Amino acid sequence: MTGVEIAWEARSLEAFGDQPLEEAAAGYDLIVIDHPFCGRAAATRCLTPLDELLDGSVLDELRAGAVGPSHDSYDYAGHQWGLATDAACQVSAVRDDLLDGEPAPATWGASLELARRRPGAVALPLSPPHAISSWLSISAAHGAEPFADASVSEEATATLAELARLGPAEALGWEPPDILGRLTTTDEIAHVPLTYGYSTYSSSAERPCRFADVPVVDGVPRGAVLGGAGLAVSAASSQPGPAAEFAAWASGGDAQREIVARTGGQPGHRSAWDDPELDRISGGFYSGTRASIDGAWVRPREEWWPVLQLDAGRLLTENLLAGDVRSLTDRLRELHRRHSA
């Protein structure tokens, strides 16, 4: 593709998760989206489906090459709304040098036991989007659909509340970069059971951490909430064809291996995740978290989900330290019933 110039503007992490999609897409040709917004895209048609712009063989190749459910997470209501230029899910992060020779916790029981023995050494990012992400991951780790089982939901709330109480008070305002920055520049935190992974913190940080699979309940690392980012074409674009062509190139194996993975990005293409040299450069990020992303839980793409996620996250952050786990769980499940009805 020649003769096309692409100028990027950045959105905050908060805006990426909360800003209405039709508002964000209005002034751009290309936009980076979170997959739960696919329902809103289908309802408002603020994006142009990529299956209307790209040959089916291109999409088939990208689907076959994607890591975990990254590509399929943008497939909703019969259309492909985005391409997986970035892949992420919730994972664990650890400073092995701060564990006094102990193995890093690999189960939820071990994570809680370490937090009880060493208050402040185990922490989670608990700003609203990440509080609800962790609650969902803990729920899905049991093999249950989040919100469906009352006892599993209450256990997830209890685990999150205990970790909030035993961790730093300021964690209630932290995003993943906040906690990973603290993990890799100080010796205050030794273990982060759940956070969205960023490979730069295991490769180029001042005191690199190690990323590992999510804690397990029954030996299977499953249920980690899928994150990542997809490149989509705005319906407002005056050049939808070139925009889609660029999105496909940027999500393809060559660009993902040779450009994205080598410049601090986190590729959505499995050929990068399977590359031993890239794994070495990343400090073992890809091999350390591969089981989690292959078994990741995809959030609903229905139009109501982003609002529920925001409301439920705020409810958790504001009430985790209140102490009434059952009441908080009931309120979360009622939110879900109301939004999904």
Protein backbone atom coordinates (compact mmCIF):
# COMPACT_ATOMS: atom_id res chain seq x y z
CA MET A 1 0.00 0.00 0.00
CA THR A 2 1.65 3.24 -1.12
CA GLY A 3 0.72 6.90 -1.17
CA VAL A 4 -1.29 6.75 2.07
CA GLU A 5 -0.24 8.63 5.19
CA ILE A 6 -1.61 7.59 8.59
CA ALA A 7 -1.50 10.04 11.51
CA TRP A 8 -2.26 8.60 14.96
CA GLU A 9 -3.83 10.26 17.97
CA ALA A 10 -3.84 8.62 21.41
CA ARG A 11 -6.83 7.99 23.67
CA SER A 12 -6.42 7.35 27.38
CA LEU A 13 -6.83 3.82 28.73
CA GLU A 14 -9.96 5.02 30.52
CA ALA A 15 -11.45 6.42 27.30
CA PHE A 16 -10.63 3.19 25.48
CA GLY A 17 -12.87 1.33 27.92
CA ASP A 18 -15.58 3.91 28.62
CA GLN A 19 -16.00 6.42 25.77
CA PRO A 20 -19.09 5.82 23.59
CA LEU A 21 -17.93 4.15 20.40
CA GLU A 22 -19.93 6.32 18.01
CA GLU A 23 -18.39 9.42 19.60
CA ALA A 24 -14.85 8.07 19.32
CA ALA A 25 -15.28 6.88 15.73
CA ALA A 26 -16.86 10.05 14.35
CA GLY A 27 -13.67 11.90 13.46
CA TYR A 28 -11.36 9.13 12.26
CA ASP A 29 -10.78 6.63 9.46
CA LEU A 30 -9.34 3.98 11.78
CA ILE A 31 -10.03 3.43 15.45
CA VAL A 32 -8.69 1.01 18.04
CA ILE A 33 -11.57 -0.69 19.89
CA ASP A 34 -12.27 -3.08 22.74
CA HIS A 35 -14.28 -6.11 21.59
CA PRO A 36 -17.29 -5.57 23.94
CA PHE A 37 -18.16 -2.53 21.81
CA CYS A 38 -19.02 -4.74 18.82
CA GLY A 39 -22.66 -4.78 19.89
CA ARG A 40 -22.73 -1.01 19.88
CA ALA A 41 -21.08 -1.00 16.45
CA ALA A 42 -23.78 -3.33 15.13
CA ALA A 43 -26.55 -1.20 16.64
CA THR A 44 -25.28 2.18 15.45
CA ARG A 45 -23.32 1.16 12.33
CA CYS A 46 -20.64 3.65 13.35
CA LEU A 47 -18.09 1.15 12.01
CA THR A 48 -17.95 -0.46 8.59
CA PRO A 49 -17.81 -4.26 8.85
CA LEU A 50 -14.47 -5.51 7.62
CA ASP A 51 -16.09 -8.42 5.81
CA GLU A 52 -17.61 -5.80 3.50
CA LEU A 53 -14.18 -4.33 2.77
CA LEU A 54 -11.79 -7.30 2.71
CA ASP A 55 -11.74 -10.54 0.76
CA GLY A 56 -12.93 -13.54 2.74
CA SER A 57 -9.61 -15.32 2.25
CA VAL A 58 -7.82 -12.46 4.04
CA LEU A 59 -10.12 -12.77 7.05
CA ASP A 60 -9.78 -16.56 7.04
CA GLU A 61 -6.00 -16.25 7.14
CA LEU A 62 -6.11 -13.76 10.00
CA ARG A 63 -8.56 -15.95 11.94
CA ALA A 64 -6.32 -19.00 11.50
CA GLY A 65 -3.25 -17.04 12.65
CA ALA A 66 -4.73 -15.34 15.70
CA VAL A 67 -3.66 -16.26 19.22
CA GLY A 68 -6.46 -17.54 21.45
CA PRO A 69 -9.91 -16.05 20.75
CA SER A 70 -8.45 -12.64 19.82
CA HIS A 71 -9.72 -12.50 16.24
CA ASP A 72 -13.07 -14.13 16.94
CA SER A 73 -13.81 -11.69 19.74
CA TYR A 74 -14.53 -9.04 17.08
CA ASP A 75 -16.92 -11.34 15.20
CA TYR A 76 -20.46 -10.40 16.19
CA ALA A 77 -23.92 -10.49 14.60
CA GLY A 78 -22.55 -11.96 11.38
CA HIS A 79 -19.85 -9.34 10.82
CA GLN A 80 -16.17 -8.81 11.59
CA TRP A 81 -15.89 -5.43 13.32
CA GLY A 82 -12.17 -5.36 14.14
CA LEU A 83 -8.84 -7.13 13.59
CA ALA A 84 -6.62 -8.26 16.45
CA THR A 85 -3.60 -6.00 16.26
CA ASP A 86 -2.94 -6.47 19.98
CA ALA A 87 -3.61 -9.49 22.21
CA ALA A 88 -3.85 -9.49 25.98
CA CYS A 89 -5.70 -11.10 28.82
CA GLN A 90 -5.47 -11.05 32.56
CA VAL A 91 -2.33 -12.81 33.80
CA SER A 92 -0.16 -12.90 36.93
CA ALA A 93 3.00 -10.87 37.50
CA VAL A 94 5.68 -11.71 40.04
CA ARG A 95 9.04 -10.55 41.35
CA ASP A 96 10.68 -13.89 42.10
CA ASP A 97 13.57 -12.13 43.83
CA LEU A 98 11.19 -10.87 46.52
CA LEU A 99 9.70 -14.27 47.42
CA ASP A 100 12.62 -15.45 49.59
CA GLY A 101 13.10 -18.60 47.59
CA GLU A 102 9.44 -19.60 47.66
CA PRO A 103 7.69 -20.59 44.41
CA ALA A 104 5.36 -17.99 42.98
CA PRO A 105 1.70 -18.63 43.87
CA ALA A 106 0.01 -20.63 41.13
CA THR A 107 -3.38 -21.12 42.82
CA TRP A 108 -5.87 -18.77 44.39
CA GLY A 109 -5.30 -20.45 47.73
CA ALA A 110 -1.56 -19.77 47.55
CA SER A 111 -2.10 -16.15 46.47
CA LEU A 112 -4.37 -15.49 49.44
CA GLU A 113 -2.02 -17.27 51.84
CA LEU A 114 0.90 -15.07 50.71
CA ALA A 115 -1.26 -11.95 51.07
CA ARG A 116 -2.20 -12.94 54.63
CA ARG A 117 1.41 -13.61 55.63
CA ARG A 118 2.80 -10.49 54.00
CA PRO A 119 0.20 -7.69 53.93
CA GLY A 120 0.99 -5.23 51.17
CA ALA A 121 3.13 -7.67 49.18
CA VAL A 122 0.19 -8.92 47.09
CA ALA A 123 -1.89 -6.38 45.19
CA LEU A 124 -4.32 -5.92 42.33
CA PRO A 125 -5.20 -2.88 40.19
CA LEU A 126 -8.69 -2.08 41.47
CA SER A 127 -9.90 0.95 39.54
CA PRO A 128 -13.42 0.18 38.27
CA PRO A 129 -12.60 -1.45 34.88
CA HIS A 130 -9.99 -3.67 36.48
CA ALA A 131 -11.92 -4.52 39.62
CA ILE A 132 -14.71 -5.96 37.48
CA SER A 133 -12.20 -7.67 35.16
CA SER A 134 -10.64 -9.45 38.13
CA TRP A 135 -14.05 -10.39 39.54
CA LEU A 136 -14.98 -11.89 36.18
CA SER A 137 -11.69 -13.79 35.89
CA ILE A 138 -12.01 -15.27 39.37
CA SER A 139 -15.59 -16.31 38.59
CA ALA A 140 -14.68 -17.87 35.25
CA ALA A 141 -11.70 -19.70 36.79
CA HIS A 142 -14.26 -22.02 38.41
CA GLY A 143 -15.55 -23.01 34.99
CA ALA A 144 -18.80 -21.16 35.60
CA GLU A 145 -20.27 -18.38 33.51
CA PRO A 146 -19.83 -15.18 35.54
CA PHE A 147 -23.01 -14.04 37.35
CA ALA A 148 -24.71 -17.41 36.75
CA ASP A 149 -23.83 -19.18 40.01
CA ALA A 150 -24.53 -17.35 43.28
CA SER A 151 -21.94 -19.26 45.34
CA VAL A 152 -19.19 -18.77 42.76
CA SER A 153 -20.07 -15.08 42.50
CA GLU A 154 -19.86 -14.69 46.28
CA GLU A 155 -16.51 -16.48 46.40
CA ALA A 156 -15.16 -14.13 43.70
CA THR A 157 -16.33 -11.12 45.70
CA ALA A 158 -14.84 -12.48 48.92
CA THR A 159 -11.46 -13.15 47.26
CA LEU A 160 -11.34 -9.68 45.72
CA ALA A 161 -12.41 -8.01 48.97
CA GLU A 162 -9.76 -9.81 51.01
CA LEU A 163 -7.01 -8.91 48.56
CA ALA A 164 -8.21 -5.28 48.56
CA ARG A 165 -8.10 -5.20 52.38
CA LEU A 166 -4.62 -6.77 52.57
CA GLY A 167 -3.12 -4.75 49.72
CA PRO A 168 -2.19 -1.07 49.42
CA ALA A 169 -5.15 1.27 49.97
CA GLU A 170 -4.20 3.30 46.90
CA ALA A 171 -4.69 0.21 44.69
CA LEU A 172 -8.39 1.15 44.50
CA GLY A 173 -7.33 3.83 42.03
CA TRP A 174 -4.72 1.85 40.11
CA GLU A 175 -4.75 0.84 36.45
CA PRO A 176 -2.43 -1.99 35.28
CA PRO A 177 0.42 0.39 34.33
CA ASP A 178 0.27 1.87 37.86
CA ILE A 179 0.69 -1.47 39.61
CA LEU A 180 3.22 -2.83 37.11
CA GLY A 181 5.22 0.38 37.43
CA ARG A 182 5.25 -0.03 41.20
CA LEU A 183 6.12 -3.72 40.88
CA THR A 184 9.13 -3.03 38.66
CA THR A 185 10.56 0.12 40.28
CA THR A 186 10.20 -0.62 44.00
CA ASP A 187 10.43 -3.67 46.25
CA GLU A 188 7.02 -3.10 47.86
CA ILE A 189 4.97 -5.61 45.86
CA ALA A 190 6.03 -9.18 45.13
CA HIS A 191 2.98 -10.68 43.46
CA VAL A 192 0.09 -9.42 41.35
CA PRO A 193 -2.40 -12.27 40.90
CA LEU A 194 -4.36 -10.56 38.13
CA THR A 195 -3.54 -7.71 35.78
CA TYR A 196 -3.61 -7.22 32.05
CA GLY A 197 -0.13 -8.11 30.87
CA TYR A 198 2.26 -5.70 29.19
CA SER A 199 5.38 -7.45 27.94
CA THR A 200 7.57 -4.34 28.30
CA TYR A 201 7.54 -4.77 32.10
CA SER A 202 9.23 -8.16 31.79
CA SER A 203 11.76 -7.05 29.20
CA SER A 204 12.88 -3.45 29.69
CA ALA A 205 11.74 -2.33 33.15
CA GLU A 206 14.14 -1.16 35.84
CA ARG A 207 13.55 -4.34 37.88
CA PRO A 208 11.79 -6.67 35.44
CA CYS A 209 8.97 -8.87 36.65
CA ARG A 210 7.97 -12.27 35.31
CA PHE A 211 4.55 -12.85 33.82
CA ALA A 212 2.80 -16.17 34.40
CA ASP A 213 -0.57 -17.78 33.88
CA VAL A 214 -3.54 -16.77 36.02
CA PRO A 215 -3.97 -18.52 39.39
CA VAL A 216 -5.98 -21.71 39.10
CA VAL A 217 -8.78 -23.27 41.12
CA ASP A 218 -8.57 -26.86 39.89
CA GLY A 219 -5.28 -27.02 37.99
CA VAL A 220 -6.54 -25.48 34.74
CA PRO A 221 -5.52 -21.86 33.89
CA ARG A 222 -8.81 -20.75 32.42
CA GLY A 223 -11.25 -17.87 32.55
CA ALA A 224 -8.80 -14.97 32.24
CA VAL A 225 -10.73 -12.03 30.86
CA LEU A 226 -9.64 -11.35 27.29
CA GLY A 227 -8.45 -7.82 26.65
CA GLY A 228 -6.35 -6.70 23.73
CA ALA A 229 -7.29 -4.21 21.05
CA GLY A 230 -8.71 -4.39 17.56
CA LEU A 231 -8.24 -2.09 14.60
CA ALA A 232 -11.55 -1.07 13.05
CA VAL A 233 -12.69 1.16 10.17
CA SER A 234 -14.99 4.07 10.97
CA ALA A 235 -18.16 4.47 8.94
CA ALA A 236 -17.17 8.12 8.71
CA SER A 237 -14.04 7.28 6.74
CA SER A 238 -13.69 8.74 3.26
CA GLN A 239 -11.13 6.02 2.44
CA PRO A 240 -12.52 2.79 3.90
CA GLY A 241 -10.73 0.54 1.41
CA PRO A 242 -7.17 1.71 2.18
CA ALA A 243 -8.03 1.84 5.89
CA ALA A 244 -9.13 -1.81 5.86
CA GLU A 245 -6.10 -2.78 3.82
CA PHE A 246 -3.83 -1.19 6.39
CA ALA A 247 -5.67 -2.91 9.26
CA ALA A 248 -5.20 -6.29 7.59
CA TRP A 249 -1.51 -5.66 6.99
CA ALA A 250 -0.94 -4.47 10.56
CA SER A 251 -2.65 -7.60 11.92
CA GLY A 252 -0.81 -10.03 9.66
CA GLY A 253 2.03 -12.30 10.68
CA ASP A 254 4.91 -10.36 9.11
CA ALA A 255 4.01 -6.98 10.62
CA GLN A 256 3.15 -8.54 13.97
CA ARG A 257 6.46 -10.40 14.24
CA GLU A 258 8.84 -7.91 12.70
CA ILE A 259 7.34 -4.58 13.79
CA VAL A 260 4.75 -4.89 16.57
CA ALA A 261 6.57 -7.42 18.75
CA ARG A 262 9.95 -5.71 18.33
CA THR A 263 8.79 -2.20 19.17
CA GLY A 264 7.03 -2.76 22.48
CA GLY A 265 3.69 -3.95 21.11
CA GLN A 266 1.91 -7.14 22.06
CA PRO A 267 1.01 -9.05 18.90
CA GLY A 268 -2.29 -10.74 18.24
CA HIS A 269 -0.75 -13.19 15.77
CA ARG A 270 0.33 -16.57 17.07
CA SER A 271 3.41 -16.69 14.85
CA ALA A 272 4.89 -13.98 17.10
CA TRP A 273 3.84 -15.79 20.29
CA ASP A 274 5.48 -18.99 18.99
CA ASP A 275 8.78 -17.32 18.05
CA PRO A 276 11.53 -18.38 20.53
CA GLU A 277 13.59 -15.25 19.91
CA LEU A 278 10.66 -12.93 20.55
CA ASP A 279 9.86 -14.89 23.71
CA ARG A 280 13.44 -14.41 24.88
CA ILE A 281 13.34 -10.69 24.14
CA SER A 282 10.08 -10.39 26.08
CA GLY A 283 11.49 -12.05 29.17
CA GLY A 284 9.40 -15.17 28.62
CA PHE A 285 6.12 -13.28 28.47
CA TYR A 286 4.64 -15.29 25.60
CA SER A 287 5.48 -18.77 26.86
CA GLY A 288 4.64 -17.79 30.43
CA THR A 289 1.08 -16.67 29.65
CA ARG A 290 0.14 -18.71 26.57
CA ALA A 291 -2.20 -21.10 28.41
CA SER A 292 -4.11 -18.15 29.87
CA ILE A 293 -4.80 -16.47 26.55
CA ASP A 294 -5.68 -19.74 24.85
CA GLY A 295 -8.23 -20.37 27.59
CA ALA A 296 -9.37 -16.75 27.95
CA TRP A 297 -12.98 -15.74 28.60
CA VAL A 298 -14.53 -13.44 26.01
CA ARG A 299 -16.79 -10.76 27.44
CA PRO A 300 -20.28 -10.46 25.93
CA ARG A 301 -20.50 -8.24 22.87
CA GLU A 302 -24.16 -7.30 23.37
CA GLU A 303 -24.93 -3.59 23.36
CA TRP A 304 -25.71 -3.51 27.09
CA TRP A 305 -22.39 -4.95 28.25
CA PRO A 306 -20.12 -1.84 28.30
CA VAL A 307 -22.58 0.01 30.54
CA LEU A 308 -22.90 -2.98 32.87
CA GLN A 309 -19.12 -3.34 33.03
CA LEU A 310 -18.74 0.32 33.98
CA ASP A 311 -21.52 0.24 36.60
CA ALA A 312 -20.36 -3.06 38.13
CA GLY A 313 -16.75 -1.88 38.28
CA ARG A 314 -17.72 1.29 40.11
CA LEU A 315 -19.87 -0.70 42.52
CA LEU A 316 -16.96 -2.99 43.35
CA THR A 317 -14.34 -0.26 43.77
CA GLU A 318 -16.62 1.77 46.02
CA ASN A 319 -17.66 -1.17 48.24
CA LEU A 320 -14.85 -3.73 48.39
CA LEU A 321 -13.68 -2.43 51.77
CA ALA A 322 -17.20 -2.18 53.24
CA GLY A 323 -17.10 -5.76 54.47
CA ASP A 324 -20.55 -7.04 53.40
CA VAL A 325 -19.58 -9.60 50.75
CA ARG A 326 -23.02 -11.16 50.36
CA SER A 327 -24.82 -7.85 49.93
CA LEU A 328 -22.25 -6.63 47.40
CA THR A 329 -22.56 -9.87 45.45
CA ASP A 330 -26.35 -9.60 45.40
CA ARG A 331 -26.10 -6.05 44.09
CA LEU A 332 -23.71 -7.13 41.33
CA ARG A 333 -25.98 -9.95 40.23
CA GLU A 334 -28.99 -7.63 40.29
CA LEU A 335 -27.11 -5.17 38.07
CA HIS A 336 -26.47 -7.96 35.61
CA ARG A 337 -30.12 -9.05 35.64
CA ARG A 338 -31.28 -5.49 35.05
CA HIS A 339 -28.86 -4.67 32.23
CA SER A 340 -29.17 -7.98 30.41
CA ALA A 341 -32.97 -8.21 30.58
